[in-house]
Amino acid sequence: MSASYEQVKDVPNHPEIYLIDVRNPDELTATGSIPSSLNIPLPELESALKSAAEDFAQKYGRAKPGNDAEIIFTCRSGRRAQQAAEIAKSAGFTNLSVYHGSWLEWAEKEGLPQ
């Protein structure tokens, strides 16, 4: 599934939705992040999704999503977000979307640095 800019912009109004940004921390430092997004860099995504609930909560400051939780993945251009969705699917998660516009579209629409 694909998530639109409008859906991502509305995530702060839906705390049950997980918006996971799989960019590296240095990318977030350079550009900023989408409000309400949770940063889990792509290289650690699989282990994060397979970790114990308490370990996930301690490391990421949010409860671990259930297998049927709505998760939207984002990155810089959409490519890593697509990979992230495939990793999550193979880990048993079922309600997945990719924000194909990712940071590049977000920054353009919000007037932020890309």
Protein backbone atom coordinates (compact mmCIF):
# COMPACT_ATOMS: atom_id res chain seq x y z
CA MET A 1 0.00 0.00 0.00
CA SER A 2 0.97 3.56 -0.59
CA ALA A 3 0.59 6.44 1.85
CA SER A 4 0.02 9.98 0.60
CA TYR A 5 1.43 13.26 1.88
CA GLU A 6 -2.02 14.06 3.31
CA GLN A 7 -2.16 10.77 5.23
CA VAL A 8 1.33 11.33 6.65
CA LYS A 9 0.48 14.93 7.59
CA ASP A 10 -2.52 13.58 9.55
CA VAL A 11 -0.49 11.02 11.56
CA PRO A 12 -0.13 13.33 14.63
CA ASN A 13 -3.94 13.09 14.95
CA HIS A 14 -3.75 9.27 15.00
CA PRO A 15 -1.41 8.11 17.79
CA GLU A 16 -2.19 4.48 16.94
CA ILE A 17 -0.33 4.82 13.62
CA TYR A 18 3.40 4.23 13.50
CA LEU A 19 5.34 6.47 11.10
CA ILE A 20 8.80 4.91 10.94
CA ASP A 21 11.62 6.86 9.31
CA VAL A 22 14.38 4.44 8.29
CA ARG A 23 17.00 7.09 7.44
CA ASN A 24 20.27 7.21 9.35
CA PRO A 25 20.47 9.57 12.36
CA ASP A 26 22.94 11.88 10.58
CA GLU A 27 20.38 12.41 7.79
CA LEU A 28 17.78 13.48 10.35
CA THR A 29 20.28 15.84 11.96
CA ALA A 30 20.96 17.42 8.57
CA THR A 31 17.36 17.83 7.42
CA GLY A 32 14.95 17.31 10.30
CA SER A 33 12.16 14.76 10.48
CA ILE A 34 8.46 14.42 9.82
CA PRO A 35 6.38 15.19 12.95
CA SER A 36 5.41 12.08 14.94
CA SER A 37 7.93 9.91 13.11
CA LEU A 38 9.98 7.31 14.93
CA ASN A 39 13.54 6.84 13.70
CA ILE A 40 14.63 3.22 13.28
CA PRO A 41 17.52 3.14 10.78
CA LEU A 42 17.08 0.49 8.09
CA PRO A 43 20.10 -1.61 9.21
CA GLU A 44 18.52 -2.14 12.65
CA LEU A 45 14.88 -2.44 11.57
CA GLU A 46 14.67 -6.22 11.44
CA SER A 47 16.20 -6.70 14.89
CA ALA A 48 13.97 -3.90 16.28
CA LEU A 49 10.80 -5.53 14.94
CA LYS A 50 11.85 -8.91 16.32
CA SER A 51 12.96 -7.55 19.70
CA ALA A 52 11.08 -8.04 22.95
CA ALA A 53 8.38 -5.44 23.61
CA GLU A 54 10.17 -4.02 26.65
CA ASP A 55 13.48 -3.73 24.75
CA PHE A 56 11.73 -1.92 21.88
CA ALA A 57 10.00 0.50 24.25
CA GLN A 58 13.22 1.22 26.12
CA LYS A 59 15.26 1.88 22.97
CA TYR A 60 12.69 3.80 20.89
CA GLY A 61 10.50 5.40 23.56
CA ARG A 62 7.29 3.94 22.22
CA ALA A 63 5.41 0.66 22.63
CA LYS A 64 6.35 -1.97 20.08
CA PRO A 65 3.74 -2.18 17.31
CA GLY A 66 1.56 -5.25 17.18
CA ASN A 67 1.66 -7.36 14.01
CA ASP A 68 -1.56 -5.74 12.81
CA ALA A 69 -0.68 -2.14 13.80
CA GLU A 70 -0.79 0.41 11.00
CA ILE A 71 2.79 1.24 10.02
CA ILE A 72 3.88 3.77 7.41
CA PHE A 73 7.52 3.71 6.34
CA THR A 74 9.39 6.76 5.11
CA CYS A 75 12.99 7.58 4.20
CA ARG A 76 14.58 10.17 1.88
CA SER A 77 13.21 9.18 -1.51
CA GLY A 78 11.06 6.10 -0.86
CA ARG A 79 13.51 3.37 -1.85
CA ARG A 80 14.59 2.37 1.67
CA ALA A 81 10.99 2.74 2.87
CA GLN A 82 9.99 0.07 0.33
CA GLN A 83 12.78 -2.20 1.60
CA ALA A 84 11.60 -1.55 5.16
CA ALA A 85 8.06 -2.66 4.30
CA GLU A 86 9.42 -5.89 2.84
CA ILE A 87 11.48 -6.52 6.00
CA ALA A 88 8.42 -5.86 8.20
CA LYS A 89 6.25 -8.13 6.06
CA SER A 90 8.77 -10.96 6.39
CA ALA A 91 8.77 -10.37 10.17
CA GLY A 92 5.00 -10.98 10.25
CA PHE A 93 3.60 -7.44 10.14
CA THR A 94 0.51 -7.08 7.97
CA ASN A 95 -0.82 -3.47 7.89
CA LEU A 96 2.02 -1.75 6.04
CA SER A 97 2.25 1.31 3.81
CA VAL A 98 5.10 3.16 2.12
CA TYR A 99 5.23 6.95 1.80
CA HIS A 100 6.84 6.91 -1.64
CA GLY A 101 7.35 10.69 -1.67
CA SER A 102 9.19 10.41 1.65
CA TRP A 103 11.37 13.29 2.87
CA LEU A 104 11.90 14.82 -0.59
CA GLU A 105 8.17 15.35 -1.13
CA TRP A 106 7.55 16.32 2.51
CA ALA A 107 10.32 18.95 2.48
CA GLU A 108 9.12 20.36 -0.84
CA LYS A 109 5.51 20.70 0.37
CA GLU A 110 6.55 22.05 3.77
CA GLY A 111 9.25 24.42 2.49
CA LEU A 112 12.07 22.64 4.31
CA PRO A 113 15.64 21.76 3.25
CA GLN A 114 15.96 18.56 1.27
